[in-house]
Each structure stands twice: as structure tokens, then as C-alpha cells.
Amino acid sequence: MNKVKTIFHWLVAIACFLMARTALAIETGLDATASATGLKKGDIPGLVGIIIKALLGLVGIIFFGLLLYGGFIWMKARGNEKEVEKAKGVITDAIIGIVIVAAAYAISSFIIQTLS
């Protein structure tokens, strides 16, 4: 079952990467909308950057919470192998999730800097 989860996580990461590439190629007309509302051209990317940083902070807090939860389950297990395996699964899934998020951010950041 863990292999299925790992494969699913990789597929989600690849799909996010491919959607980000497609989204970068689409002309959305945001510049025209920004000028019509009176915003400067640099305001929208700055706002998006602030939102992304806030979301990454939230993901970090969730990751930390999952690690604490997994550790708590492990400490509460008292040698029960079933509970220990559950705790290891939670911790492993949390680490895989944060690695996928970090990799997606790094790849997206690299592509955006390369295209800019």
C-alpha cells in the first residue's frame, strides 16, 4: 500500500509541474486588467509571491504537526508493532509530502527565473 501512496504522490507532483508549465504559456490578459484597475505592473506578481510564501508557511506548519503527531503515536505505542508501523507511516508520508512540495517550488522557481 505504501508503494501505491508513493506512486500517487509522484504522479501528483508531475501533474502539478506540467500544469505550471501550461499555465506559464497561457496569455491571461492580467496586464490589461491591472492597467484598467489602476494597479502597477509589479503589484500582481508581488501579491502572488506573498500568497505563495504564506501557503508554504502553512504547509511547513502542517508538516511539523504531522511529525509531532507521528512521534506522539510512536511514544504512545509502548512496543505495539501495529502502532509503531502506523507512526512510521505518518512520519514517512509527512516527509514525502514536504519533499514533493519543496521540489515543486524549486522547479517552478527555476523555470520562472529562466523564462524571466
N, C-alpha and C. Protein backbone atom coordinates (compact mmCIF):
# COMPACT_ATOMS: atom_id res chain seq x y z
N MET A 1 0.82 -1.20 0.00
CA MET A 1 0.00 0.00 0.00
C MET A 1 0.85 1.25 0.00
N ASN A 2 2.02 1.19 0.67
CA ASN A 2 2.90 2.35 0.70
C ASN A 2 3.46 2.68 -0.67
N LYS A 3 3.69 1.64 -1.49
CA LYS A 3 4.18 1.89 -2.84
C LYS A 3 3.13 2.62 -3.66
N VAL A 4 1.88 2.28 -3.45
CA VAL A 4 0.79 2.95 -4.16
C VAL A 4 0.73 4.41 -3.76
N LYS A 5 0.89 4.70 -2.47
CA LYS A 5 0.90 6.08 -2.00
C LYS A 5 2.07 6.85 -2.60
N THR A 6 3.24 6.22 -2.63
CA THR A 6 4.42 6.88 -3.18
C THR A 6 4.23 7.18 -4.65
N ILE A 7 3.71 6.23 -5.39
CA ILE A 7 3.46 6.44 -6.82
C ILE A 7 2.44 7.54 -7.02
N PHE A 8 1.40 7.55 -6.20
CA PHE A 8 0.38 8.60 -6.28
C PHE A 8 0.99 9.96 -6.00
N HIS A 9 1.84 10.06 -4.99
CA HIS A 9 2.48 11.34 -4.67
C HIS A 9 3.35 11.82 -5.83
N TRP A 10 4.09 10.91 -6.45
CA TRP A 10 4.91 11.30 -7.60
C TRP A 10 4.05 11.76 -8.76
N LEU A 11 2.94 11.07 -9.01
CA LEU A 11 2.05 11.47 -10.11
C LEU A 11 1.45 12.85 -9.85
N VAL A 12 1.10 13.14 -8.62
CA VAL A 12 0.56 14.46 -8.29
C VAL A 12 1.63 15.52 -8.51
N ALA A 13 2.86 15.25 -8.10
CA ALA A 13 3.95 16.22 -8.30
C ALA A 13 4.20 16.47 -9.78
N ILE A 14 4.20 15.42 -10.59
CA ILE A 14 4.42 15.58 -12.03
C ILE A 14 3.27 16.34 -12.66
N ALA A 15 2.05 16.04 -12.24
CA ALA A 15 0.89 16.76 -12.78
C ALA A 15 0.96 18.24 -12.43
N CYS A 16 1.35 18.56 -11.19
CA CYS A 16 1.49 19.97 -10.80
C CYS A 16 2.55 20.67 -11.65
N PHE A 17 3.66 19.98 -11.90
CA PHE A 17 4.71 20.55 -12.73
C PHE A 17 4.22 20.81 -14.15
N LEU A 18 3.50 19.84 -14.71
CA LEU A 18 3.01 20.01 -16.08
C LEU A 18 1.95 21.11 -16.16
N MET A 19 1.10 21.21 -15.15
CA MET A 19 0.09 22.27 -15.16
C MET A 19 0.74 23.64 -15.02
N ALA A 20 1.81 23.73 -14.23
CA ALA A 20 2.52 25.00 -14.07
C ALA A 20 3.15 25.41 -15.40
N ARG A 21 3.70 24.46 -16.13
CA ARG A 21 4.29 24.78 -17.44
C ARG A 21 3.22 25.28 -18.39
N THR A 22 2.07 24.63 -18.40
CA THR A 22 0.98 25.03 -19.28
C THR A 22 0.46 26.41 -18.88
N ALA A 23 0.36 26.65 -17.59
CA ALA A 23 -0.14 27.94 -17.12
C ALA A 23 0.79 29.08 -17.50
N LEU A 24 2.08 28.81 -17.54
CA LEU A 24 3.03 29.86 -17.91
C LEU A 24 2.91 30.22 -19.39
N ALA A 25 2.43 29.30 -20.21
CA ALA A 25 2.36 29.54 -21.64
C ALA A 25 1.07 30.25 -22.06
N ILE A 26 0.13 30.39 -21.15
CA ILE A 26 -1.17 30.98 -21.49
C ILE A 26 -1.13 32.48 -21.26
N GLU A 27 -1.61 33.24 -22.22
CA GLU A 27 -1.76 34.69 -22.06
C GLU A 27 -3.09 34.94 -21.38
N THR A 28 -3.05 35.46 -20.17
CA THR A 28 -4.26 35.60 -19.38
C THR A 28 -4.90 36.97 -19.48
N GLY A 29 -4.16 37.96 -19.96
CA GLY A 29 -4.69 39.31 -20.03
C GLY A 29 -4.66 40.04 -18.70
N LEU A 30 -3.82 39.57 -17.77
CA LEU A 30 -3.75 40.22 -16.46
C LEU A 30 -3.16 41.62 -16.55
N ASP A 31 -2.26 41.84 -17.51
CA ASP A 31 -1.67 43.18 -17.65
C ASP A 31 -2.75 44.19 -18.02
N ALA A 32 -3.62 43.82 -18.94
CA ALA A 32 -4.71 44.73 -19.34
C ALA A 32 -5.66 44.97 -18.18
N THR A 33 -5.95 43.92 -17.43
CA THR A 33 -6.84 44.06 -16.28
C THR A 33 -6.21 44.93 -15.21
N ALA A 34 -4.91 44.73 -14.97
CA ALA A 34 -4.22 45.52 -13.95
C ALA A 34 -4.20 46.99 -14.33
N SER A 35 -3.94 47.29 -15.60
CA SER A 35 -3.91 48.69 -16.01
C SER A 35 -5.31 49.32 -15.95
N ALA A 36 -6.34 48.52 -16.21
CA ALA A 36 -7.70 49.04 -16.15
C ALA A 36 -8.11 49.35 -14.71
N THR A 37 -7.56 48.61 -13.75
CA THR A 37 -7.91 48.85 -12.35
C THR A 37 -6.99 49.87 -11.69
N GLY A 38 -5.94 50.27 -12.38
CA GLY A 38 -5.03 51.27 -11.82
C GLY A 38 -3.86 50.67 -11.06
N LEU A 39 -3.69 49.37 -11.10
CA LEU A 39 -2.55 48.75 -10.44
C LEU A 39 -1.31 48.88 -11.30
N LYS A 40 -0.16 48.92 -10.68
CA LYS A 40 1.09 48.90 -11.43
C LYS A 40 1.37 47.47 -11.87
N LYS A 41 2.24 47.33 -12.85
CA LYS A 41 2.53 46.01 -13.38
C LYS A 41 3.20 45.11 -12.33
N GLY A 42 4.00 45.65 -11.45
CA GLY A 42 4.71 44.85 -10.45
C GLY A 42 3.87 44.45 -9.26
N ASP A 43 2.67 45.00 -9.11
CA ASP A 43 1.86 44.71 -7.93
C ASP A 43 1.33 43.28 -7.90
N ILE A 44 0.90 42.78 -9.05
CA ILE A 44 0.29 41.44 -9.09
C ILE A 44 1.33 40.35 -8.80
N PRO A 45 2.51 40.34 -9.42
CA PRO A 45 3.49 39.32 -9.05
C PRO A 45 3.91 39.39 -7.58
N GLY A 46 4.00 40.59 -7.04
CA GLY A 46 4.33 40.73 -5.63
C GLY A 46 3.26 40.13 -4.74
N LEU A 47 2.01 40.36 -5.10
CA LEU A 47 0.89 39.80 -4.34
C LEU A 47 0.88 38.28 -4.43
N VAL A 48 1.13 37.75 -5.61
CA VAL A 48 1.19 36.30 -5.79
C VAL A 48 2.33 35.72 -4.97
N GLY A 49 3.47 36.41 -4.94
CA GLY A 49 4.60 35.95 -4.14
C GLY A 49 4.26 35.89 -2.67
N ILE A 50 3.56 36.90 -2.17
CA ILE A 50 3.16 36.92 -0.76
C ILE A 50 2.22 35.75 -0.46
N ILE A 51 1.29 35.48 -1.36
CA ILE A 51 0.34 34.37 -1.17
C ILE A 51 1.08 33.04 -1.16
N ILE A 52 2.04 32.88 -2.09
CA ILE A 52 2.79 31.62 -2.16
C ILE A 52 3.61 31.43 -0.88
N LYS A 53 4.24 32.49 -0.40
CA LYS A 53 5.02 32.37 0.84
C LYS A 53 4.12 32.00 2.02
N ALA A 54 2.93 32.57 2.07
CA ALA A 54 2.00 32.25 3.15
C ALA A 54 1.57 30.78 3.07
N LEU A 55 1.29 30.30 1.85
CA LEU A 55 0.89 28.91 1.68
C LEU A 55 2.02 27.96 2.04
N LEU A 56 3.26 28.32 1.67
CA LEU A 56 4.39 27.47 2.02
C LEU A 56 4.61 27.45 3.53
N GLY A 57 4.38 28.57 4.19
CA GLY A 57 4.44 28.59 5.64
C GLY A 57 3.40 27.70 6.27
N LEU A 58 2.19 27.70 5.71
CA LEU A 58 1.13 26.83 6.19
C LEU A 58 1.49 25.36 5.99
N VAL A 59 2.07 25.05 4.83
CA VAL A 59 2.50 23.67 4.57
C VAL A 59 3.57 23.25 5.57
N GLY A 60 4.48 24.16 5.91
CA GLY A 60 5.50 23.85 6.91
C GLY A 60 4.90 23.58 8.28
N ILE A 61 3.90 24.35 8.65
CA ILE A 61 3.23 24.13 9.93
C ILE A 61 2.51 22.79 9.94
N ILE A 62 1.86 22.44 8.84
CA ILE A 62 1.18 21.14 8.73
C ILE A 62 2.19 20.00 8.83
N PHE A 63 3.34 20.16 8.14
CA PHE A 63 4.40 19.15 8.19
C PHE A 63 4.88 18.95 9.63
N PHE A 64 5.14 20.06 10.33
CA PHE A 64 5.59 19.98 11.71
C PHE A 64 4.54 19.29 12.59
N GLY A 65 3.27 19.63 12.37
CA GLY A 65 2.20 19.00 13.13
C GLY A 65 2.12 17.50 12.87
N LEU A 66 2.29 17.09 11.62
CA LEU A 66 2.26 15.66 11.31
C LEU A 66 3.44 14.92 11.94
N LEU A 67 4.60 15.57 11.96
CA LEU A 67 5.75 14.94 12.62
C LEU A 67 5.49 14.79 14.12
N LEU A 68 4.94 15.80 14.74
CA LEU A 68 4.61 15.70 16.16
C LEU A 68 3.57 14.61 16.41
N TYR A 69 2.57 14.54 15.55
CA TYR A 69 1.52 13.52 15.69
C TYR A 69 2.12 12.12 15.55
N GLY A 70 2.97 11.92 14.54
CA GLY A 70 3.61 10.61 14.35
C GLY A 70 4.49 10.25 15.53
N GLY A 71 5.23 11.22 16.06
CA GLY A 71 6.07 10.96 17.22
C GLY A 71 5.24 10.63 18.45
N PHE A 72 4.11 11.33 18.60
CA PHE A 72 3.22 11.05 19.74
C PHE A 72 2.66 9.64 19.66
N ILE A 73 2.25 9.23 18.45
CA ILE A 73 1.73 7.86 18.28
C ILE A 73 2.81 6.84 18.62
N TRP A 74 4.03 7.12 18.17
CA TRP A 74 5.14 6.19 18.41
C TRP A 74 5.43 6.09 19.92
N MET A 75 5.45 7.23 20.60
CA MET A 75 5.72 7.21 22.04
C MET A 75 4.60 6.50 22.81
N LYS A 76 3.38 6.66 22.33
CA LYS A 76 2.22 6.06 23.00
C LYS A 76 2.10 4.56 22.69
N ALA A 77 2.82 4.08 21.68
CA ALA A 77 2.68 2.69 21.23
C ALA A 77 3.14 1.68 22.28
N ARG A 78 4.18 2.03 23.04
CA ARG A 78 4.71 1.13 24.08
C ARG A 78 5.08 -0.25 23.54
N GLY A 79 5.68 -0.28 22.38
CA GLY A 79 6.15 -1.53 21.82
C GLY A 79 5.14 -2.26 20.95
N ASN A 80 3.93 -1.76 20.84
CA ASN A 80 2.92 -2.38 19.99
C ASN A 80 3.33 -2.15 18.53
N GLU A 81 3.66 -3.23 17.83
CA GLU A 81 4.20 -3.13 16.46
C GLU A 81 3.23 -2.46 15.49
N LYS A 82 1.94 -2.71 15.66
CA LYS A 82 0.94 -2.12 14.77
C LYS A 82 0.93 -0.60 14.90
N GLU A 83 0.99 -0.11 16.13
CA GLU A 83 1.01 1.33 16.36
C GLU A 83 2.32 1.96 15.89
N VAL A 84 3.43 1.24 16.07
CA VAL A 84 4.73 1.75 15.62
C VAL A 84 4.73 1.88 14.10
N GLU A 85 4.19 0.89 13.42
CA GLU A 85 4.13 0.95 11.95
C GLU A 85 3.23 2.10 11.49
N LYS A 86 2.13 2.34 12.21
CA LYS A 86 1.25 3.46 11.88
C LYS A 86 2.01 4.78 12.04
N ALA A 87 2.77 4.90 13.12
CA ALA A 87 3.54 6.12 13.37
C ALA A 87 4.61 6.31 12.29
N LYS A 88 5.29 5.24 11.93
CA LYS A 88 6.30 5.33 10.87
C LYS A 88 5.67 5.75 9.56
N GLY A 89 4.47 5.24 9.29
CA GLY A 89 3.76 5.61 8.07
C GLY A 89 3.41 7.09 8.04
N VAL A 90 2.95 7.62 9.17
CA VAL A 90 2.60 9.05 9.25
C VAL A 90 3.85 9.90 9.02
N ILE A 91 4.94 9.54 9.69
CA ILE A 91 6.18 10.30 9.55
C ILE A 91 6.72 10.21 8.13
N THR A 92 6.70 9.02 7.55
CA THR A 92 7.19 8.84 6.18
C THR A 92 6.35 9.64 5.18
N ASP A 93 5.04 9.59 5.33
CA ASP A 93 4.16 10.33 4.43
C ASP A 93 4.37 11.83 4.57
N ALA A 94 4.60 12.31 5.79
CA ALA A 94 4.86 13.73 6.00
C ALA A 94 6.15 14.15 5.32
N ILE A 95 7.19 13.33 5.44
CA ILE A 95 8.48 13.66 4.81
C ILE A 95 8.34 13.64 3.29
N ILE A 96 7.66 12.64 2.76
CA ILE A 96 7.46 12.58 1.31
C ILE A 96 6.68 13.80 0.83
N GLY A 97 5.66 14.19 1.57
CA GLY A 97 4.87 15.36 1.19
C GLY A 97 5.68 16.63 1.17
N ILE A 98 6.50 16.86 2.20
CA ILE A 98 7.29 18.10 2.24
C ILE A 98 8.37 18.09 1.17
N VAL A 99 8.91 16.92 0.84
CA VAL A 99 9.91 16.85 -0.24
C VAL A 99 9.25 17.18 -1.58
N ILE A 100 8.05 16.68 -1.81
CA ILE A 100 7.34 16.97 -3.04
C ILE A 100 7.02 18.45 -3.15
N VAL A 101 6.56 19.05 -2.06
CA VAL A 101 6.24 20.49 -2.08
C VAL A 101 7.50 21.30 -2.32
N ALA A 102 8.59 20.96 -1.65
CA ALA A 102 9.85 21.69 -1.83
C ALA A 102 10.37 21.54 -3.26
N ALA A 103 10.28 20.33 -3.80
CA ALA A 103 10.74 20.11 -5.17
C ALA A 103 9.88 20.87 -6.17
N ALA A 104 8.58 20.87 -5.97
CA ALA A 104 7.70 21.61 -6.88
C ALA A 104 7.99 23.10 -6.83
N TYR A 105 8.23 23.63 -5.63
CA TYR A 105 8.57 25.04 -5.50
C TYR A 105 9.90 25.35 -6.18
N ALA A 106 10.89 24.49 -5.97
CA ALA A 106 12.21 24.72 -6.57
C ALA A 106 12.15 24.65 -8.09
N ILE A 107 11.43 23.68 -8.62
CA ILE A 107 11.32 23.55 -10.08
C ILE A 107 10.56 24.74 -10.65
N SER A 108 9.46 25.12 -10.02
CA SER A 108 8.69 26.26 -10.51
C SER A 108 9.50 27.55 -10.45
N SER A 109 10.22 27.74 -9.37
CA SER A 109 11.04 28.93 -9.21
C SER A 109 12.14 28.96 -10.28
N PHE A 110 12.76 27.82 -10.53
CA PHE A 110 13.81 27.76 -11.55
C PHE A 110 13.25 28.09 -12.94
N ILE A 111 12.10 27.52 -13.26
CA ILE A 111 11.50 27.77 -14.58
C ILE A 111 11.10 29.24 -14.72
N ILE A 112 10.51 29.81 -13.69
CA ILE A 112 10.10 31.20 -13.77
C ILE A 112 11.31 32.11 -13.92
N GLN A 113 12.38 31.84 -13.18
CA GLN A 113 13.59 32.65 -13.31
C GLN A 113 14.25 32.48 -14.65
N THR A 114 14.18 31.28 -15.21
CA THR A 114 14.77 31.03 -16.52
C THR A 114 13.98 31.76 -17.61
N LEU A 115 12.66 31.77 -17.51
CA LEU A 115 11.85 32.41 -18.53
C LEU A 115 11.83 33.94 -18.39
N SER A 116 12.11 34.44 -17.20
CA SER A 116 12.07 35.90 -16.98
C SER A 116 13.32 36.58 -17.50
